[in-house]
Amino acid sequence: MSILRIRCSPRGLASESYRLSQRIVDRLTHTGPADGLDIVEFDATTLAHADSDYAAALAAPADPAHDVLGRGSLKASARLIQMLADASHIVLATPMHNFTVPSSLKSWLDHVVRVRSTFRITPQGNKVGVLEDRPVYVAISSGGAFSGDEARQPDFLTPYLRHVLATIGLRQVTFVSVEGTARGPALLEAARERAEAAIEGISFAAQQPEMSV
């Protein structure tokens, strides 16, 4: 059991989303149910897009032969899914790009949202997640405001993430955001304070992983 943090910003450790995610990790490890757990880091900006073998495997009625599974995107997918399955808590540190998720996070999702691995399709065509539920915390940074009374741009990020994560079985999703990062130091500091208050208001102890021992 561990905390899996997925970093999605091209600015890396200097990004606002990483800074915000660290506050969540600090709360989890110091005062929450993840006290003492290891932190596993993955930089999604290093991940290549899915290749042709992966696309063919998803379109096929069954997984391909072992030699195909052990190479390229299918091999990367298996490793990322195992990391996800092993984690008791997940933290996504992501910017909002063009009103939605950045390409790095989309690539990670494309690798872990995989038929016959993290979801199954019923005879009626419904997608049913097979991962056991656990808490997911999404730390978002945005140059503009997308929530509340000051919203000036649409938000396709949070509804998309909530739906796609539920597709694989992850429904305990909590969003925290720092908005208006491009609007100057004073407004950025105010946004950080609102995010800090939101983190303080999260009852981490009440959000427990539903995982088999």
Protein backbone atom coordinates (compact mmCIF):
# COMPACT_ATOMS: atom_id res chain seq x y z
CA MET A 1 0.00 0.00 0.00
CA SER A 2 1.30 3.42 -0.94
CA ILE A 3 0.44 6.91 -2.16
CA LEU A 4 0.77 7.13 -5.94
CA ARG A 5 1.35 10.66 -7.20
CA ILE A 6 1.01 11.31 -10.93
CA ARG A 7 2.71 14.55 -12.01
CA CYS A 8 1.34 16.02 -15.23
CA SER A 9 2.80 19.51 -15.60
CA PRO A 10 5.65 20.28 -18.01
CA ARG A 11 6.95 22.62 -15.27
CA GLY A 12 7.64 19.61 -13.08
CA LEU A 13 8.47 20.25 -9.44
CA ALA A 14 8.20 24.02 -10.01
CA SER A 15 4.55 23.79 -11.02
CA GLU A 16 1.65 25.15 -9.01
CA SER A 17 -0.18 21.83 -9.29
CA TYR A 18 2.80 19.98 -7.77
CA ARG A 19 2.97 22.51 -4.94
CA LEU A 20 -0.73 22.00 -4.23
CA SER A 21 -0.42 18.22 -4.44
CA GLN A 22 2.37 18.34 -1.87
CA ARG A 23 0.03 19.98 0.62
CA ILE A 24 -2.38 17.07 0.09
CA VAL A 25 0.40 14.51 0.47
CA ASP A 26 1.57 16.24 3.65
CA ARG A 27 -1.93 16.03 5.13
CA LEU A 28 -2.24 12.37 4.16
CA THR A 29 1.12 11.35 5.56
CA HIS A 30 1.19 13.51 8.70
CA THR A 31 -2.40 13.61 9.91
CA GLY A 32 -4.38 11.28 7.68
CA PRO A 33 -4.88 7.53 7.15
CA ALA A 34 -1.75 7.23 4.96
CA ASP A 35 0.63 8.02 7.81
CA GLY A 36 3.88 6.14 7.25
CA LEU A 37 3.10 4.96 3.73
CA ASP A 38 5.62 5.19 0.92
CA ILE A 39 5.12 7.74 -1.85
CA VAL A 40 5.48 6.43 -5.40
CA GLU A 41 6.09 9.13 -8.00
CA PHE A 42 5.37 9.00 -11.73
CA ASP A 43 6.01 11.81 -14.20
CA ALA A 44 3.31 11.49 -16.86
CA THR A 45 5.12 13.94 -19.15
CA THR A 46 7.64 11.16 -19.89
CA LEU A 47 4.94 8.80 -21.18
CA ALA A 48 4.61 8.16 -24.90
CA HIS A 49 1.21 7.94 -26.55
CA ALA A 50 -0.34 4.53 -27.18
CA ASP A 51 1.15 2.63 -30.12
CA SER A 52 -0.40 0.47 -32.85
CA ASP A 53 -0.13 -2.81 -30.88
CA TYR A 54 -2.04 -1.19 -28.02
CA ALA A 55 -4.76 0.11 -30.35
CA ALA A 56 -5.12 -3.34 -31.95
CA ALA A 57 -5.33 -5.03 -28.54
CA LEU A 58 -8.14 -2.76 -27.39
CA ALA A 59 -10.12 -3.41 -30.56
CA ALA A 60 -9.66 -7.21 -30.37
CA PRO A 61 -12.07 -9.56 -28.55
CA ALA A 62 -9.20 -10.92 -26.41
CA ASP A 63 -5.72 -9.85 -25.36
CA PRO A 64 -2.90 -10.66 -27.80
CA ALA A 65 -0.09 -13.18 -27.38
CA HIS A 66 2.41 -12.80 -24.56
CA ASP A 67 5.19 -11.49 -26.80
CA VAL A 68 3.00 -8.55 -27.86
CA LEU A 69 1.89 -7.86 -24.28
CA GLY A 70 5.53 -7.56 -23.25
CA ARG A 71 6.48 -4.68 -25.50
CA GLY A 72 5.70 -1.04 -26.21
CA SER A 73 2.57 0.60 -24.86
CA LEU A 74 1.08 -2.68 -23.64
CA LYS A 75 4.11 -3.27 -21.42
CA ALA A 76 3.94 0.31 -20.13
CA SER A 77 0.21 -0.07 -19.55
CA ALA A 78 0.68 -3.20 -17.44
CA ARG A 79 3.27 -1.44 -15.28
CA LEU A 80 1.09 1.65 -14.79
CA ILE A 81 -1.98 -0.43 -13.96
CA GLN A 82 0.02 -2.39 -11.39
CA MET A 83 1.21 0.86 -9.80
CA LEU A 84 -2.40 2.00 -9.63
CA ALA A 85 -3.61 -1.30 -8.17
CA ASP A 86 -0.88 -1.27 -5.51
CA ALA A 87 -1.68 2.25 -4.29
CA SER A 88 -4.06 2.85 -1.41
CA HIS A 89 -4.32 6.58 -2.25
CA ILE A 90 -3.86 8.40 -5.56
CA VAL A 91 -2.87 12.04 -6.01
CA LEU A 92 -3.08 13.63 -9.46
CA ALA A 93 -1.15 16.88 -9.86
CA THR A 94 -2.34 18.49 -13.07
CA PRO A 95 -2.70 21.82 -14.79
CA MET A 96 -5.78 22.68 -16.81
CA HIS A 97 -4.83 23.05 -20.48
CA ASN A 98 -7.35 24.55 -22.89
CA PHE A 99 -10.23 23.93 -20.47
CA THR A 100 -9.43 20.21 -19.92
CA VAL A 101 -6.70 17.72 -19.02
CA PRO A 102 -3.18 18.13 -20.47
CA SER A 103 -1.98 15.60 -23.03
CA SER A 104 0.32 13.99 -20.42
CA LEU A 105 -2.59 13.10 -18.15
CA LYS A 106 -4.68 11.97 -21.13
CA SER A 107 -1.86 9.64 -22.15
CA TRP A 108 -1.67 8.17 -18.63
CA LEU A 109 -5.43 7.66 -18.62
CA ASP A 110 -5.30 6.00 -22.03
CA HIS A 111 -2.78 3.51 -20.61
CA VAL A 112 -4.70 2.68 -17.42
CA VAL A 113 -8.30 2.77 -18.71
CA ARG A 114 -7.95 -0.56 -20.48
CA VAL A 115 -10.60 -3.11 -21.37
CA ARG A 116 -10.21 -6.53 -19.68
CA SER A 117 -7.71 -4.98 -17.28
CA THR A 118 -9.35 -2.09 -15.40
CA PHE A 119 -12.88 -2.34 -16.78
CA ARG A 120 -15.11 -4.88 -18.47
CA ILE A 121 -17.92 -4.45 -20.96
CA THR A 122 -21.29 -6.05 -20.21
CA PRO A 123 -23.40 -7.76 -22.92
CA GLN A 124 -25.49 -4.57 -22.92
CA GLY A 125 -22.40 -2.48 -23.74
CA ASN A 126 -21.94 -0.88 -20.33
CA LYS A 127 -18.41 -0.32 -18.98
CA VAL A 128 -17.93 -1.61 -15.42
CA GLY A 129 -14.80 -0.79 -13.41
CA VAL A 130 -12.90 -3.66 -11.85
CA LEU A 131 -10.46 -1.76 -9.63
CA GLU A 132 -11.35 -1.59 -5.95
CA ASP A 133 -12.31 1.93 -4.95
CA ARG A 134 -9.87 4.13 -3.05
CA PRO A 135 -9.44 7.88 -2.47
CA VAL A 136 -8.24 10.00 -5.38
CA TYR A 137 -7.18 13.61 -4.81
CA VAL A 138 -6.83 15.90 -7.83
CA ALA A 139 -4.70 19.03 -7.40
CA ILE A 140 -5.48 21.43 -10.26
CA SER A 141 -3.80 24.64 -11.32
CA SER A 142 -5.37 26.96 -13.86
CA GLY A 143 -4.32 30.28 -15.35
CA GLY A 144 -7.95 31.45 -15.30
CA ALA A 145 -10.91 30.88 -13.00
CA PHE A 146 -13.28 28.02 -13.82
CA SER A 147 -15.39 27.67 -10.65
CA GLY A 148 -17.47 29.82 -8.36
CA ASP A 149 -18.68 33.35 -8.92
CA GLU A 150 -15.44 34.40 -10.62
CA ALA A 151 -15.54 31.68 -13.29
CA ARG A 152 -14.60 33.05 -16.70
CA GLN A 153 -13.92 29.84 -18.60
CA PRO A 154 -15.56 26.42 -19.02
CA ASP A 155 -14.44 23.37 -17.08
CA PHE A 156 -14.22 20.12 -19.02
CA LEU A 157 -11.51 18.74 -16.74
CA THR A 158 -13.35 17.86 -13.53
CA PRO A 159 -16.46 16.22 -15.06
CA TYR A 160 -14.29 14.24 -17.47
CA LEU A 161 -11.96 13.00 -14.73
CA ARG A 162 -14.85 12.09 -12.45
CA HIS A 163 -16.46 10.03 -15.22
CA VAL A 164 -13.34 8.34 -16.60
CA LEU A 165 -12.04 7.39 -13.14
CA ALA A 166 -15.44 5.95 -12.23
CA THR A 167 -15.22 3.84 -15.40
CA ILE A 168 -12.35 1.88 -13.81
CA GLY A 169 -13.91 1.80 -10.33
CA LEU A 170 -12.48 4.92 -8.68
CA ARG A 171 -15.35 7.01 -7.30
CA GLN A 172 -13.89 8.68 -4.19
CA VAL A 173 -12.58 11.69 -6.11
CA THR A 174 -11.83 15.02 -4.40
CA PHE A 175 -10.83 18.12 -6.38
CA VAL A 176 -8.80 21.04 -5.04
CA SER A 177 -7.73 23.90 -7.28
CA VAL A 178 -5.57 27.00 -7.44
CA GLU A 179 -7.23 29.18 -10.07
CA GLY A 180 -6.12 32.42 -11.68
CA THR A 181 -2.39 31.69 -11.55
CA ALA A 182 -1.85 34.08 -14.49
CA ARG A 183 -3.67 37.01 -12.89
CA GLY A 184 -0.82 38.41 -10.82
CA PRO A 185 0.87 37.73 -7.45
CA ALA A 186 -1.90 39.11 -5.23
CA LEU A 187 -4.67 37.05 -6.82
CA LEU A 188 -2.42 33.99 -6.91
CA GLU A 189 -1.77 34.26 -3.19
CA ALA A 190 -5.49 34.61 -2.53
CA ALA A 191 -6.13 31.52 -4.66
CA ARG A 192 -3.51 29.58 -2.70
CA GLU A 193 -5.17 30.57 0.56
CA ARG A 194 -8.55 29.34 -0.70
CA ALA A 195 -6.96 26.04 -1.73
CA GLU A 196 -5.31 25.68 1.68
CA ALA A 197 -8.67 26.24 3.34
CA ALA A 198 -10.25 23.63 1.08
CA ILE A 199 -7.58 21.09 2.02
CA GLU A 200 -8.08 21.84 5.70
CA GLY A 201 -11.77 21.11 5.22
CA ILE A 202 -11.21 17.62 3.80
CA SER A 203 -11.87 14.81 6.26
CA PHE A 204 -9.04 12.54 5.18
CA ALA A 205 -9.75 9.98 7.87
CA ALA A 206 -13.29 9.50 6.52
CA GLN A 207 -11.98 8.58 3.07
CA GLN A 208 -10.67 5.05 3.32
CA PRO A 209 -9.58 2.69 0.58
CA GLU A 210 -11.87 -0.25 -0.09
CA MET A 211 -9.11 -2.75 -0.74
CA SER A 212 -8.64 -6.42 0.01
CA VAL A 213 -5.85 -7.28 2.42
